[in-house]
């Protein structure tokens, strides 16, 4: 029997390479309320480098996760991300939406490094009420086969998505809800996942650049196993320890350096392509990598700027029983993406 059946509930479903996460948000009150969190682990080999390797296992994990939410709703929101998704701020001739849609295909051909026939395109006008001949537009393009593969996977699990979002936008939604004061100046949101890290740079709350790095907690675990001869379970324990183990310090520095270089390159690109870009003033980190002992402190020292852990529950109202047996401090960094997805209210 479903615990939640009214249309006011939205399920944000995040299928990662290590975990399937579902968040239920109740939009029926004055403010969104977190009603339920379900987290289902996947085996290391289930999804590798974004590819589903064990189809049956992943489908069953999705099915179990959605069933465990207790929600009877058709409003499930999921997302696509990675290198096959492009998010870019562009300038184009000002036009009404219908005309802009006709023009967008040509604009996309100038900015998207994919065959235009193979992508799904969407956009959002950032300054609809401004004057002037040109308008600022956020262009989004995703490879069609990526979107179709995700939709097919969800459909097979009985969890067809009513909305297919983009990872970067979902992260932005959760970030804006929990950190409204950070919507000033230039800040970055760093989502350090199991296999990859997403960098989302915001200027006055508007995403202006996204980048993906092939660095995540899986590499850190593998480094520990290879360099120190520990088991996968022992490596995972080191990543969950509150203190920085000496064996972890070198790995944090090595992988942290890769992240730092990626952030610096993205910042340099913006500085050379936009006269208005100054510098990132603050980085918020989320995802499982944000819990790695010493990593955020190391990044902050290396980059010379504050790097703080982002809490997906910082300003979100949470029901007493929403987290089940989970501890808020442990799972909050993991929930930024599914919370952002679930914040999209049912129409």
C-alpha atoms as a PDB file:
ATOM      1  CA  UNK A   1       0.000   0.000   0.000  1.00  0.00           C
ATOM      2  CA  UNK A   2       1.371   3.420  -0.951  1.00  0.00           C
ATOM      3  CA  UNK A   3       2.174   5.774   1.880  1.00  0.00           C
ATOM      4  CA  UNK A   4       1.962   8.844  -0.360  1.00  0.00           C
ATOM      5  CA  UNK A   5      -0.498   8.965  -3.229  1.00  0.00           C
ATOM      6  CA  UNK A   6      -1.382  12.611  -3.813  1.00  0.00           C
ATOM      7  CA  UNK A   7      -0.068  14.544  -6.765  1.00  0.00           C
ATOM      8  CA  UNK A   8       1.792  17.010  -4.545  1.00  0.00           C
ATOM      9  CA  UNK A   9       4.652  14.533  -4.064  1.00  0.00           C
ATOM     10  CA  UNK A  10       7.667  14.466  -6.381  1.00  0.00           C
ATOM     11  CA  UNK A  11      10.294  11.730  -6.456  1.00  0.00           C
ATOM     12  CA  UNK A  12      13.835  12.726  -7.401  1.00  0.00           C
ATOM     13  CA  UNK A  13      15.635   9.620  -8.683  1.00  0.00           C
ATOM     14  CA  UNK A  14      19.431   9.689  -8.975  1.00  0.00           C
ATOM     15  CA  UNK A  15      21.096   6.636 -10.512  1.00  0.00           C
ATOM     16  CA  UNK A  16      24.786   6.811  -9.699  1.00  0.00           C
ATOM     17  CA  UNK A  17      27.534   4.272 -10.317  1.00  0.00           C
ATOM     18  CA  UNK A  18      27.652   3.342  -6.629  1.00  0.00           C
ATOM     19  CA  UNK A  19      24.198   4.156  -5.275  1.00  0.00           C
ATOM     20  CA  UNK A  20      20.614   4.556  -6.431  1.00  0.00           C
ATOM     21  CA  UNK A  21      19.086   7.392  -4.421  1.00  0.00           C
ATOM     22  CA  UNK A  22      15.469   8.519  -4.228  1.00  0.00           C
ATOM     23  CA  UNK A  23      14.173  11.588  -2.428  1.00  0.00           C
ATOM     24  CA  UNK A  24      10.475  12.346  -1.917  1.00  0.00           C
ATOM     25  CA  UNK A  25       9.494  15.978  -1.461  1.00  0.00           C
ATOM     26  CA  UNK A  26       6.035  17.142  -0.418  1.00  0.00           C
ATOM     27  CA  UNK A  27       5.048  20.344  -2.243  1.00  0.00           C
ATOM     28  CA  UNK A  28       1.631  20.605  -0.600  1.00  0.00           C
ATOM     29  CA  UNK A  29       2.596  23.010   2.189  1.00  0.00           C
ATOM     30  CA  UNK A  30       3.992  26.517   2.327  1.00  0.00           C
ATOM     31  CA  UNK A  31       7.524  25.239   1.770  1.00  0.00           C
ATOM     32  CA  UNK A  32       8.885  22.007   0.248  1.00  0.00           C
ATOM     33  CA  UNK A  33       9.280  19.275   2.863  1.00  0.00           C
ATOM     34  CA  UNK A  34      11.518  16.219   2.658  1.00  0.00           C
ATOM     35  CA  UNK A  35       9.226  13.247   3.253  1.00  0.00           C
ATOM     36  CA  UNK A  36      11.403  10.213   2.487  1.00  0.00           C
ATOM     37  CA  UNK A  37      14.944   9.163   1.563  1.00  0.00           C
ATOM     38  CA  UNK A  38      15.840   5.753   0.124  1.00  0.00           C
ATOM     39  CA  UNK A  39      19.394   4.705  -0.751  1.00  0.00           C
ATOM     40  CA  UNK A  40      20.208   1.408  -2.444  1.00  0.00           C
ATOM     41  CA  UNK A  41      23.842   0.361  -2.987  1.00  0.00           C
ATOM     42  CA  UNK A  42      25.083  -1.079  -6.280  1.00  0.00           C
ATOM     43  CA  UNK A  43      28.010  -3.419  -6.787  1.00  0.00           C
ATOM     44  CA  UNK A  44      31.229  -1.871  -8.118  1.00  0.00           C
ATOM     45  CA  UNK A  45      30.781  -3.532 -11.505  1.00  0.00           C
ATOM     46  CA  UNK A  46      27.108  -2.645 -12.024  1.00  0.00           C
ATOM     47  CA  UNK A  47      27.802   0.711 -13.720  1.00  0.00           C
ATOM     48  CA  UNK A  48      31.285   1.504 -15.011  1.00  0.00           C
ATOM     49  CA  UNK A  49      32.211   4.826 -16.623  1.00  0.00           C
ATOM     50  CA  UNK A  50      28.552   5.616 -17.108  1.00  0.00           C
ATOM     51  CA  UNK A  51      27.795   2.348 -18.872  1.00  0.00           C
ATOM     52  CA  UNK A  52      25.316  -0.114 -17.347  1.00  0.00           C
ATOM     53  CA  UNK A  53      27.251  -3.384 -17.184  1.00  0.00           C
ATOM     54  CA  UNK A  54      24.774  -5.448 -15.133  1.00  0.00           C
ATOM     55  CA  UNK A  55      21.440  -4.417 -16.607  1.00  0.00           C
ATOM     56  CA  UNK A  56      19.240  -6.738 -14.572  1.00  0.00           C
ATOM     57  CA  UNK A  57      20.841  -5.732 -11.264  1.00  0.00           C
ATOM     58  CA  UNK A  58      20.473  -2.001 -11.957  1.00  0.00           C
ATOM     59  CA  UNK A  59      16.859  -2.334 -13.086  1.00  0.00           C
ATOM     60  CA  UNK A  60      16.026  -4.284  -9.922  1.00  0.00           C
ATOM     61  CA  UNK A  61      17.802  -1.711  -7.720  1.00  0.00           C
ATOM     62  CA  UNK A  62      15.758   1.079  -9.315  1.00  0.00           C
ATOM     63  CA  UNK A  63      12.541  -0.906  -8.887  1.00  0.00           C
ATOM     64  CA  UNK A  64      13.275  -1.623  -5.210  1.00  0.00           C
ATOM     65  CA  UNK A  65      14.280   1.972  -4.509  1.00  0.00           C
ATOM     66  CA  UNK A  66      11.123   3.478  -5.984  1.00  0.00           C
ATOM     67  CA  UNK A  67       8.934   0.879  -4.242  1.00  0.00           C
ATOM     68  CA  UNK A  68      10.595   1.648  -0.899  1.00  0.00           C
ATOM     69  CA  UNK A  69       9.612   5.318  -1.167  1.00  0.00           C
ATOM     70  CA  UNK A  70       5.989   4.308  -0.651  1.00  0.00           C
ATOM     71  CA  UNK A  71       4.945   6.825  -3.292  1.00  0.00           C
ATOM     72  CA  UNK A  72       2.188   6.234  -5.800  1.00  0.00           C
ATOM     73  CA  UNK A  73       2.868   9.014  -8.272  1.00  0.00           C
ATOM     74  CA  UNK A  74       3.715   9.428 -11.920  1.00  0.00           C
ATOM     75  CA  UNK A  75       5.833  12.483 -11.172  1.00  0.00           C
ATOM     76  CA  UNK A  76       9.316  10.985 -11.064  1.00  0.00           C
ATOM     77  CA  UNK A  77      12.172  13.279 -12.052  1.00  0.00           C
ATOM     78  CA  UNK A  78      15.537  11.929 -13.151  1.00  0.00           C
ATOM     79  CA  UNK A  79      18.464  13.420 -15.033  1.00  0.00           C
ATOM     80  CA  UNK A  80      21.313  12.916 -17.472  1.00  0.00           C
ATOM     81  CA  UNK A  81      24.827  14.279 -17.176  1.00  0.00           C
ATOM     82  CA  UNK A  82      28.436  13.767 -18.146  1.00  0.00           C
ATOM     83  CA  UNK A  83      30.442  14.640 -21.214  1.00  0.00           C
ATOM     84  CA  UNK A  84      27.546  13.997 -23.579  1.00  0.00           C
ATOM     85  CA  UNK A  85      25.650  16.924 -22.068  1.00  0.00           C
ATOM     86  CA  UNK A  86      26.599  20.513 -22.912  1.00  0.00           C
ATOM     87  CA  UNK A  87      25.454  23.531 -20.867  1.00  0.00           C
ATOM     88  CA  UNK A  88      26.612  26.861 -22.226  1.00  0.00           C
ATOM     89  CA  UNK A  89      25.698  30.530 -21.797  1.00  0.00           C
ATOM     90  CA  UNK A  90      25.423  32.263 -25.167  1.00  0.00           C
ATOM     91  CA  UNK A  91      24.329  35.622 -26.582  1.00  0.00           C
ATOM     92  CA  UNK A  92      21.890  35.773 -29.487  1.00  0.00           C
ATOM     93  CA  UNK A  93      19.511  38.146 -31.212  1.00  0.00           C
ATOM     94  CA  UNK A  94      16.559  39.010 -28.977  1.00  0.00           C
ATOM     95  CA  UNK A  95      13.371  37.270 -30.051  1.00  0.00           C
ATOM     96  CA  UNK A  96      10.124  35.931 -28.655  1.00  0.00           C
ATOM     97  CA  UNK A  97      10.153  32.321 -27.479  1.00  0.00           C
ATOM     98  CA  UNK A  98       8.546  30.799 -30.570  1.00  0.00           C
ATOM     99  CA  UNK A  99      10.987  32.560 -32.880  1.00  0.00           C
ATOM    100  CA  UNK A 100      13.908  31.837 -30.564  1.00  0.00           C
ATOM    101  CA  UNK A 101      13.121  28.116 -30.755  1.00  0.00           C
ATOM    102  CA  UNK A 102      13.353  28.275 -34.524  1.00  0.00           C
ATOM    103  CA  UNK A 103      16.678  30.114 -34.295  1.00  0.00           C
ATOM    104  CA  UNK A 104      18.099  27.851 -31.587  1.00  0.00           C
ATOM    105  CA  UNK A 105      18.979  25.009 -33.936  1.00  0.00           C
ATOM    106  CA  UNK A 106      21.300  27.267 -35.910  1.00  0.00           C
ATOM    107  CA  UNK A 107      22.776  28.682 -32.693  1.00  0.00           C
ATOM    108  CA  UNK A 108      23.337  25.190 -31.353  1.00  0.00           C
ATOM    109  CA  UNK A 109      25.280  24.228 -34.475  1.00  0.00           C
ATOM    110  CA  UNK A 110      27.756  26.999 -33.644  1.00  0.00           C
ATOM    111  CA  UNK A 111      28.249  25.974 -30.015  1.00  0.00           C
ATOM    112  CA  UNK A 112      27.617  22.229 -29.663  1.00  0.00           C
ATOM    113  CA  UNK A 113      30.487  19.863 -30.593  1.00  0.00           C
ATOM    114  CA  UNK A 114      28.111  17.053 -31.601  1.00  0.00           C
ATOM    115  CA  UNK A 115      26.205  16.178 -34.752  1.00  0.00           C
ATOM    116  CA  UNK A 116      23.169  18.414 -34.389  1.00  0.00           C
ATOM    117  CA  UNK A 117      20.928  15.629 -35.683  1.00  0.00           C
ATOM    118  CA  UNK A 118      21.918  13.433 -32.716  1.00  0.00           C
ATOM    119  CA  UNK A 119      21.058  15.802 -29.836  1.00  0.00           C
ATOM    120  CA  UNK A 120      18.084  17.037 -27.863  1.00  0.00           C
ATOM    121  CA  UNK A 121      18.169  20.823 -27.422  1.00  0.00           C
ATOM    122  CA  UNK A 122      16.558  23.124 -24.895  1.00  0.00           C
ATOM    123  CA  UNK A 123      17.232  26.646 -23.675  1.00  0.00           C
ATOM    124  CA  UNK A 124      16.274  29.270 -21.135  1.00  0.00           C
ATOM    125  CA  UNK A 125      16.361  33.052 -21.641  1.00  0.00           C
ATOM    126  CA  UNK A 126      18.238  34.558 -18.699  1.00  0.00           C
ATOM    127  CA  UNK A 127      17.188  38.194 -19.207  1.00  0.00           C
ATOM    128  CA  UNK A 128      13.628  38.089 -20.633  1.00  0.00           C
ATOM    129  CA  UNK A 129      12.711  41.570 -19.394  1.00  0.00           C
ATOM    130  CA  UNK A 130      15.919  43.345 -20.406  1.00  0.00           C
ATOM    131  CA  UNK A 131      16.214  45.875 -23.210  1.00  0.00           C
ATOM    132  CA  UNK A 132      18.723  45.662 -26.016  1.00  0.00           C
ATOM    133  CA  UNK A 133      19.106  43.870 -29.320  1.00  0.00           C
ATOM    134  CA  UNK A 134      20.707  40.767 -27.823  1.00  0.00           C
ATOM    135  CA  UNK A 135      19.635  38.404 -25.051  1.00  0.00           C
ATOM    136  CA  UNK A 136      21.539  36.032 -22.797  1.00  0.00           C
ATOM    137  CA  UNK A 137      20.507  32.399 -23.182  1.00  0.00           C
ATOM    138  CA  UNK A 138      21.449  29.214 -21.373  1.00  0.00           C
ATOM    139  CA  UNK A 139      21.742  26.523 -24.045  1.00  0.00           C
ATOM    140  CA  UNK A 140      21.467  22.836 -23.128  1.00  0.00           C
ATOM    141  CA  UNK A 141      22.203  19.975 -25.503  1.00  0.00           C
ATOM    142  CA  UNK A 142      22.245  16.264 -24.680  1.00  0.00           C
ATOM    143  CA  UNK A 143      22.956  13.347 -26.988  1.00  0.00           C
ATOM    144  CA  UNK A 144      19.658  11.723 -27.858  1.00  0.00           C
ATOM    145  CA  UNK A 145      20.891   8.174 -27.290  1.00  0.00           C
ATOM    146  CA  UNK A 146      21.938   9.115 -23.741  1.00  0.00           C
ATOM    147  CA  UNK A 147      18.446  10.426 -22.955  1.00  0.00           C
ATOM    148  CA  UNK A 148      16.729   7.472 -24.615  1.00  0.00           C
ATOM    149  CA  UNK A 149      18.915   4.939 -22.794  1.00  0.00           C
ATOM    150  CA  UNK A 150      18.093   6.490 -19.407  1.00  0.00           C
ATOM    151  CA  UNK A 151      14.373   6.605 -20.233  1.00  0.00           C
ATOM    152  CA  UNK A 152      14.401   2.964 -21.345  1.00  0.00           C
ATOM    153  CA  UNK A 153      16.173   1.873 -18.153  1.00  0.00           C
ATOM    154  CA  UNK A 154      13.633   3.671 -15.969  1.00  0.00           C
ATOM    155  CA  UNK A 155      10.691   2.408 -17.980  1.00  0.00           C
ATOM    156  CA  UNK A 156      11.880  -1.197 -17.639  1.00  0.00           C
ATOM    157  CA  UNK A 157      12.033  -0.691 -13.860  1.00  0.00           C
ATOM    158  CA  UNK A 158       8.478   0.675 -13.845  1.00  0.00           C
ATOM    159  CA  UNK A 159       9.715   4.151 -12.960  1.00  0.00           C
ATOM    160  CA  UNK A 160       9.214   6.165 -16.140  1.00  0.00           C
ATOM    161  CA  UNK A 161      10.333   9.769 -15.669  1.00  0.00           C
ATOM    162  CA  UNK A 162       7.774  12.529 -16.122  1.00  0.00           C
ATOM    163  CA  UNK A 163      10.678  14.963 -16.417  1.00  0.00           C
ATOM    164  CA  UNK A 164      14.238  14.343 -17.590  1.00  0.00           C
ATOM    165  CA  UNK A 165      16.472  17.059 -16.151  1.00  0.00           C
ATOM    166  CA  UNK A 166      20.187  17.802 -16.402  1.00  0.00           C
ATOM    167  CA  UNK A 167      22.480  17.016 -13.444  1.00  0.00           C
ATOM    168  CA  UNK A 168      23.933  20.528 -13.348  1.00  0.00           C
ATOM    169  CA  UNK A 169      20.498  22.169 -13.146  1.00  0.00           C
ATOM    170  CA  UNK A 170      19.285  19.801 -10.434  1.00  0.00           C
ATOM    171  CA  UNK A 171      22.373  20.538  -8.354  1.00  0.00           C
ATOM    172  CA  UNK A 172      21.737  24.240  -8.881  1.00  0.00           C
ATOM    173  CA  UNK A 173      18.126  23.890  -7.672  1.00  0.00           C
ATOM    174  CA  UNK A 174      19.189  22.235  -4.423  1.00  0.00           C
ATOM    175  CA  UNK A 175      22.041  24.682  -3.955  1.00  0.00           C
ATOM    176  CA  UNK A 176      19.816  27.733  -4.452  1.00  0.00           C
ATOM    177  CA  UNK A 177      17.260  26.392  -1.965  1.00  0.00           C
ATOM    178  CA  UNK A 178      19.808  25.670   0.737  1.00  0.00           C
ATOM    179  CA  UNK A 179      22.275  28.511   0.129  1.00  0.00           C
ATOM    180  CA  UNK A 180      20.319  31.549  -1.119  1.00  0.00           C
ATOM    181  CA  UNK A 181      22.983  33.907   0.197  1.00  0.00           C
ATOM    182  CA  UNK A 182      25.530  32.280  -2.101  1.00  0.00           C
ATOM    183  CA  UNK A 183      23.651  33.435  -5.200  1.00  0.00           C
ATOM    184  CA  UNK A 184      25.866  36.530  -5.289  1.00  0.00           C
ATOM    185  CA  UNK A 185      29.151  36.838  -7.142  1.00  0.00           C
ATOM    186  CA  UNK A 186      30.970  33.879  -8.639  1.00  0.00           C
ATOM    187  CA  UNK A 187      30.837  30.584  -6.767  1.00  0.00           C
ATOM    188  CA  UNK A 188      31.374  26.960  -7.778  1.00  0.00           C
ATOM    189  CA  UNK A 189      29.542  23.795  -6.891  1.00  0.00           C
ATOM    190  CA  UNK A 190      31.735  20.679  -7.001  1.00  0.00           C
ATOM    191  CA  UNK A 191      29.891  17.345  -7.024  1.00  0.00           C
ATOM    192  CA  UNK A 192      32.458  14.604  -6.330  1.00  0.00           C
ATOM    193  CA  UNK A 193      30.803  11.304  -7.166  1.00  0.00           C
ATOM    194  CA  UNK A 194      31.907   7.698  -7.290  1.00  0.00           C
ATOM    195  CA  UNK A 195      33.379   7.790 -10.788  1.00  0.00           C
ATOM    196  CA  UNK A 196      33.259  11.407 -11.903  1.00  0.00           C
ATOM    197  CA  UNK A 197      33.210  14.960 -10.594  1.00  0.00           C
ATOM    198  CA  UNK A 198      31.003  17.725 -11.950  1.00  0.00           C
ATOM    199  CA  UNK A 199      32.022  21.377 -11.668  1.00  0.00           C
ATOM    200  CA  UNK A 200      29.249  23.959 -11.999  1.00  0.00           C
ATOM    201  CA  UNK A 201      30.343  27.621 -11.917  1.00  0.00           C
ATOM    202  CA  UNK A 202      27.650  30.178 -11.123  1.00  0.00           C
ATOM    203  CA  UNK A 203      27.683  33.940 -11.679  1.00  0.00           C
ATOM    204  CA  UNK A 204      24.977  35.736  -9.669  1.00  0.00           C
ATOM    205  CA  UNK A 205      23.204  32.406  -9.376  1.00  0.00           C
ATOM    206  CA  UNK A 206      23.273  31.643 -13.118  1.00  0.00           C
ATOM    207  CA  UNK A 207      25.238  28.597 -14.359  1.00  0.00           C
ATOM    208  CA  UNK A 208      27.880  29.861 -16.791  1.00  0.00           C
ATOM    209  CA  UNK A 209      30.105  26.799 -17.180  1.00  0.00           C
ATOM    210  CA  UNK A 210      30.009  23.087 -16.405  1.00  0.00           C
ATOM    211  CA  UNK A 211      32.899  20.660 -16.597  1.00  0.00           C
ATOM    212  CA  UNK A 212      33.219  16.939 -15.866  1.00  0.00           C
ATOM    213  CA  UNK A 213      36.391  15.289 -14.548  1.00  0.00           C
ATOM    214  CA  UNK A 214      37.028  11.538 -14.571  1.00  0.00           C
ATOM    215  CA  UNK A 215      37.941  11.565 -10.880  1.00  0.00           C
ATOM    216  CA  UNK A 216      35.867  10.160  -8.036  1.00  0.00           C
ATOM    217  CA  UNK A 217      35.942   8.156  -4.858  1.00  0.00           C
ATOM    218  CA  UNK A 218      36.372   4.880  -6.779  1.00  0.00           C
ATOM    219  CA  UNK A 219      39.826   6.015  -7.938  1.00  0.00           C
ATOM    220  CA  UNK A 220      40.782   6.991  -4.413  1.00  0.00           C
ATOM    221  CA  UNK A 221      39.742   3.562  -3.110  1.00  0.00           C
ATOM    222  CA  UNK A 222      41.668   1.846  -5.919  1.00  0.00           C
ATOM    223  CA  UNK A 223      44.742   3.966  -5.173  1.00  0.00           C
ATOM    224  CA  UNK A 224      44.627   2.908  -1.525  1.00  0.00           C
ATOM    225  CA  UNK A 225      44.266  -0.764  -2.445  1.00  0.00           C
ATOM    226  CA  UNK A 226      47.122  -0.657  -4.930  1.00  0.00           C
ATOM    227  CA  UNK A 227      49.586   1.432  -2.932  1.00  0.00           C
ATOM    228  CA  UNK A 228      48.968   0.025   0.542  1.00  0.00           C
ATOM    229  CA  UNK A 229      47.720  -3.498  -0.116  1.00  0.00           C
ATOM    230  CA  UNK A 230      44.420  -2.999   1.714  1.00  0.00           C
ATOM    231  CA  UNK A 231      41.132  -4.654   0.777  1.00  0.00           C
ATOM    232  CA  UNK A 232      38.233  -2.767  -0.808  1.00  0.00           C
ATOM    233  CA  UNK A 233      36.431  -2.831   2.551  1.00  0.00           C
ATOM    234  CA  UNK A 234      39.485  -1.450   4.374  1.00  0.00           C
ATOM    235  CA  UNK A 235      39.883   1.290   1.767  1.00  0.00           C
ATOM    236  CA  UNK A 236      36.225   2.250   2.165  1.00  0.00           C
ATOM    237  CA  UNK A 237      36.675   2.379   5.958  1.00  0.00           C
ATOM    238  CA  UNK A 238      39.576   4.810   5.528  1.00  0.00           C
ATOM    239  CA  UNK A 239      37.336   7.062   3.414  1.00  0.00           C
ATOM    240  CA  UNK A 240      34.647   7.008   6.103  1.00  0.00           C
ATOM    241  CA  UNK A 241      37.000   7.621   9.043  1.00  0.00           C
ATOM    242  CA  UNK A 242      36.685  10.987  10.759  1.00  0.00           C
ATOM    243  CA  UNK A 243      40.463  11.390  10.877  1.00  0.00           C
ATOM    244  CA  UNK A 244      43.006  11.589   8.066  1.00  0.00           C
ATOM    245  CA  UNK A 245      44.960   8.344   8.003  1.00  0.00           C
ATOM    246  CA  UNK A 246      48.583   8.679   6.895  1.00  0.00           C
ATOM    247  CA  UNK A 247      47.940   6.214   4.079  1.00  0.00           C
ATOM    248  CA  UNK A 248      45.171   8.453   2.767  1.00  0.00           C
ATOM    249  CA  UNK A 249      47.127  11.720   2.768  1.00  0.00           C
ATOM    250  CA  UNK A 250      49.225  11.011  -0.342  1.00  0.00           C
ATOM    251  CA  UNK A 251      46.222   9.813  -2.324  1.00  0.00           C
ATOM    252  CA  UNK A 252      44.207  12.880  -1.325  1.00  0.00           C
ATOM    253  CA  UNK A 253      47.057  15.094  -2.505  1.00  0.00           C
ATOM    254  CA  UNK A 254      47.403  13.270  -5.841  1.00  0.00           C
ATOM    255  CA  UNK A 255      43.719  13.200  -6.741  1.00  0.00           C
ATOM    256  CA  UNK A 256      43.158  16.606  -5.164  1.00  0.00           C
ATOM    257  CA  UNK A 257      45.796  18.042  -7.480  1.00  0.00           C
ATOM    258  CA  UNK A 258      43.894  16.693 -10.499  1.00  0.00           C
ATOM    259  CA  UNK A 259      40.706  18.364  -9.268  1.00  0.00           C
ATOM    260  CA  UNK A 260      42.534  21.618  -8.550  1.00  0.00           C
ATOM    261  CA  UNK A 261      44.033  21.711 -12.049  1.00  0.00           C
ATOM    262  CA  UNK A 262      40.601  21.084 -13.574  1.00  0.00           C
ATOM    263  CA  UNK A 263      39.064  23.931 -11.566  1.00  0.00           C
ATOM    264  CA  UNK A 264      41.923  26.271 -12.480  1.00  0.00           C
ATOM    265  CA  UNK A 265      41.604  25.465 -16.180  1.00  0.00           C
ATOM    266  CA  UNK A 266      37.858  26.128 -16.110  1.00  0.00           C
ATOM    267  CA  UNK A 267      38.458  29.429 -14.338  1.00  0.00           C
ATOM    268  CA  UNK A 268      41.164  30.408 -16.848  1.00  0.00           C
ATOM    269  CA  UNK A 269      38.832  29.586 -19.749  1.00  0.00           C
ATOM    270  CA  UNK A 270      36.151  31.873 -18.336  1.00  0.00           C
ATOM    271  CA  UNK A 271      38.660  34.645 -17.670  1.00  0.00           C
ATOM    272  CA  UNK A 272      39.889  34.572 -21.281  1.00  0.00           C
ATOM    273  CA  UNK A 273      36.425  34.298 -22.840  1.00  0.00           C
ATOM    274  CA  UNK A 274      34.552  36.847 -20.726  1.00  0.00           C
ATOM    275  CA  UNK A 275      35.701  40.293 -19.674  1.00  0.00           C
ATOM    276  CA  UNK A 276      33.186  40.348 -16.824  1.00  0.00           C
ATOM    277  CA  UNK A 277      34.571  37.205 -15.165  1.00  0.00           C
ATOM    278  CA  UNK A 278      36.703  37.939 -12.110  1.00  0.00           C
ATOM    279  CA  UNK A 279      37.443  34.837 -10.023  1.00  0.00           C
ATOM    280  CA  UNK A 280      35.690  32.154  -8.008  1.00  0.00           C
ATOM    281  CA  UNK A 281      35.247  33.372  -4.451  1.00  0.00           C
ATOM    282  CA  UNK A 282      33.999  30.170  -2.825  1.00  0.00           C
ATOM    283  CA  UNK A 283      33.571  26.474  -3.643  1.00  0.00           C
ATOM    284  CA  UNK A 284      30.851  24.257  -2.188  1.00  0.00           C
ATOM    285  CA  UNK A 285      31.485  20.515  -2.455  1.00  0.00           C
ATOM    286  CA  UNK A 286      28.959  17.694  -2.332  1.00  0.00           C
ATOM    287  CA  UNK A 287      28.744  14.023  -3.291  1.00  0.00           C
ATOM    288  CA  UNK A 288      30.514  11.138  -1.612  1.00  0.00           C
ATOM    289  CA  UNK A 289      33.908  12.731  -2.231  1.00  0.00           C
ATOM    290  CA  UNK A 290      32.997  15.650   0.013  1.00  0.00           C
ATOM    291  CA  UNK A 291      33.191  13.183   2.931  1.00  0.00           C
ATOM    292  CA  UNK A 292      36.757  12.017   2.171  1.00  0.00           C
ATOM    293  CA  UNK A 293      38.858  13.030   5.206  1.00  0.00           C
ATOM    294  CA  UNK A 294      41.129  15.970   4.453  1.00  0.00           C
ATOM    295  CA  UNK A 295      40.165  16.429   0.785  1.00  0.00           C
ATOM    296  CA  UNK A 296      38.247  19.701   1.064  1.00  0.00           C
ATOM    297  CA  UNK A 297      40.850  21.213   3.396  1.00  0.00           C
ATOM    298  CA  UNK A 298      43.600  20.185   0.967  1.00  0.00           C
ATOM    299  CA  UNK A 299      41.730  21.726  -1.999  1.00  0.00           C
ATOM    300  CA  UNK A 300      41.120  24.953  -0.100  1.00  0.00           C
ATOM    301  CA  UNK A 301      44.802  25.319   0.731  1.00  0.00           C
ATOM    302  CA  UNK A 302      45.899  24.409  -2.796  1.00  0.00           C
ATOM    303  CA  UNK A 303      43.462  26.805  -4.514  1.00  0.00           C
ATOM    304  CA  UNK A 304      43.756  29.573  -1.960  1.00  0.00           C
ATOM    305  CA  UNK A 305      40.018  29.907  -1.413  1.00  0.00           C
ATOM    306  CA  UNK A 306      37.358  28.505   0.944  1.00  0.00           C
ATOM    307  CA  UNK A 307      36.092  25.022   0.039  1.00  0.00           C
ATOM    308  CA  UNK A 308      33.102  24.019   2.156  1.00  0.00           C
ATOM    309  CA  UNK A 309      30.906  20.927   2.313  1.00  0.00           C
ATOM    310  CA  UNK A 310      27.429  21.594   0.921  1.00  0.00           C
ATOM    311  CA  UNK A 311      24.494  20.279   2.916  1.00  0.00           C
ATOM    312  CA  UNK A 312      21.410  19.357   0.857  1.00  0.00           C
ATOM    313  CA  UNK A 313      19.311  19.567   4.033  1.00  0.00           C
ATOM    314  CA  UNK A 314      20.638  22.895   5.322  1.00  0.00           C
ATOM    315  CA  UNK A 315      17.388  24.851   4.838  1.00  0.00           C
ATOM    316  CA  UNK A 316      15.013  22.109   3.804  1.00  0.00           C
ATOM    317  CA  UNK A 317      12.278  21.123   6.204  1.00  0.00           C
ATOM    318  CA  UNK A 318      12.658  17.427   7.040  1.00  0.00           C
ATOM    319  CA  UNK A 319      10.006  15.153   8.516  1.00  0.00           C
ATOM    320  CA  UNK A 320      11.011  13.307  11.669  1.00  0.00           C
ATOM    321  CA  UNK A 321      10.908   9.881  10.021  1.00  0.00           C
ATOM    322  CA  UNK A 322      12.147  10.914   6.569  1.00  0.00           C
ATOM    323  CA  UNK A 323      15.704   9.629   6.911  1.00  0.00           C
ATOM    324  CA  UNK A 324      14.880   6.262   8.459  1.00  0.00           C
ATOM    325  CA  UNK A 325      18.050   4.785   9.931  1.00  0.00           C
ATOM    326  CA  UNK A 326      20.329   7.199   8.078  1.00  0.00           C
ATOM    327  CA  UNK A 327      22.239   9.909   9.951  1.00  0.00           C
ATOM    328  CA  UNK A 328      21.688  13.355   8.444  1.00  0.00           C
ATOM    329  CA  UNK A 329      25.343  14.393   8.664  1.00  0.00           C
ATOM    330  CA  UNK A 330      26.440  11.227   6.850  1.00  0.00           C
ATOM    331  CA  UNK A 331      24.053  11.350   3.909  1.00  0.00           C
ATOM    332  CA  UNK A 332      23.459  15.107   3.434  1.00  0.00           C
ATOM    333  CA  UNK A 333      26.386  15.517   0.979  1.00  0.00           C
ATOM    334  CA  UNK A 334      25.016  12.607  -1.077  1.00  0.00           C
ATOM    335  CA  UNK A 335      21.548  14.090  -1.524  1.00  0.00           C
ATOM    336  CA  UNK A 336      22.217  17.334  -3.395  1.00  0.00           C
ATOM    337  CA  UNK A 337      21.322  15.875  -6.803  1.00  0.00           C
ATOM    338  CA  UNK A 338      18.184  13.886  -5.873  1.00  0.00           C
ATOM    339  CA  UNK A 339      16.939  16.768  -3.694  1.00  0.00           C
ATOM    340  CA  UNK A 340      17.391  19.130  -6.634  1.00  0.00           C
ATOM    341  CA  UNK A 341      15.414  16.764  -8.858  1.00  0.00           C
ATOM    342  CA  UNK A 342      12.604  16.366  -6.335  1.00  0.00           C
ATOM    343  CA  UNK A 343      12.322  20.140  -5.877  1.00  0.00           C
ATOM    344  CA  UNK A 344      10.607  20.251  -9.269  1.00  0.00           C
ATOM    345  CA  UNK A 345       6.959  20.334  -8.203  1.00  0.00           C
ATOM    346  CA  UNK A 346       4.322  18.370 -10.084  1.00  0.00           C
ATOM    347  CA  UNK A 347       2.444  20.546 -12.556  1.00  0.00           C
END
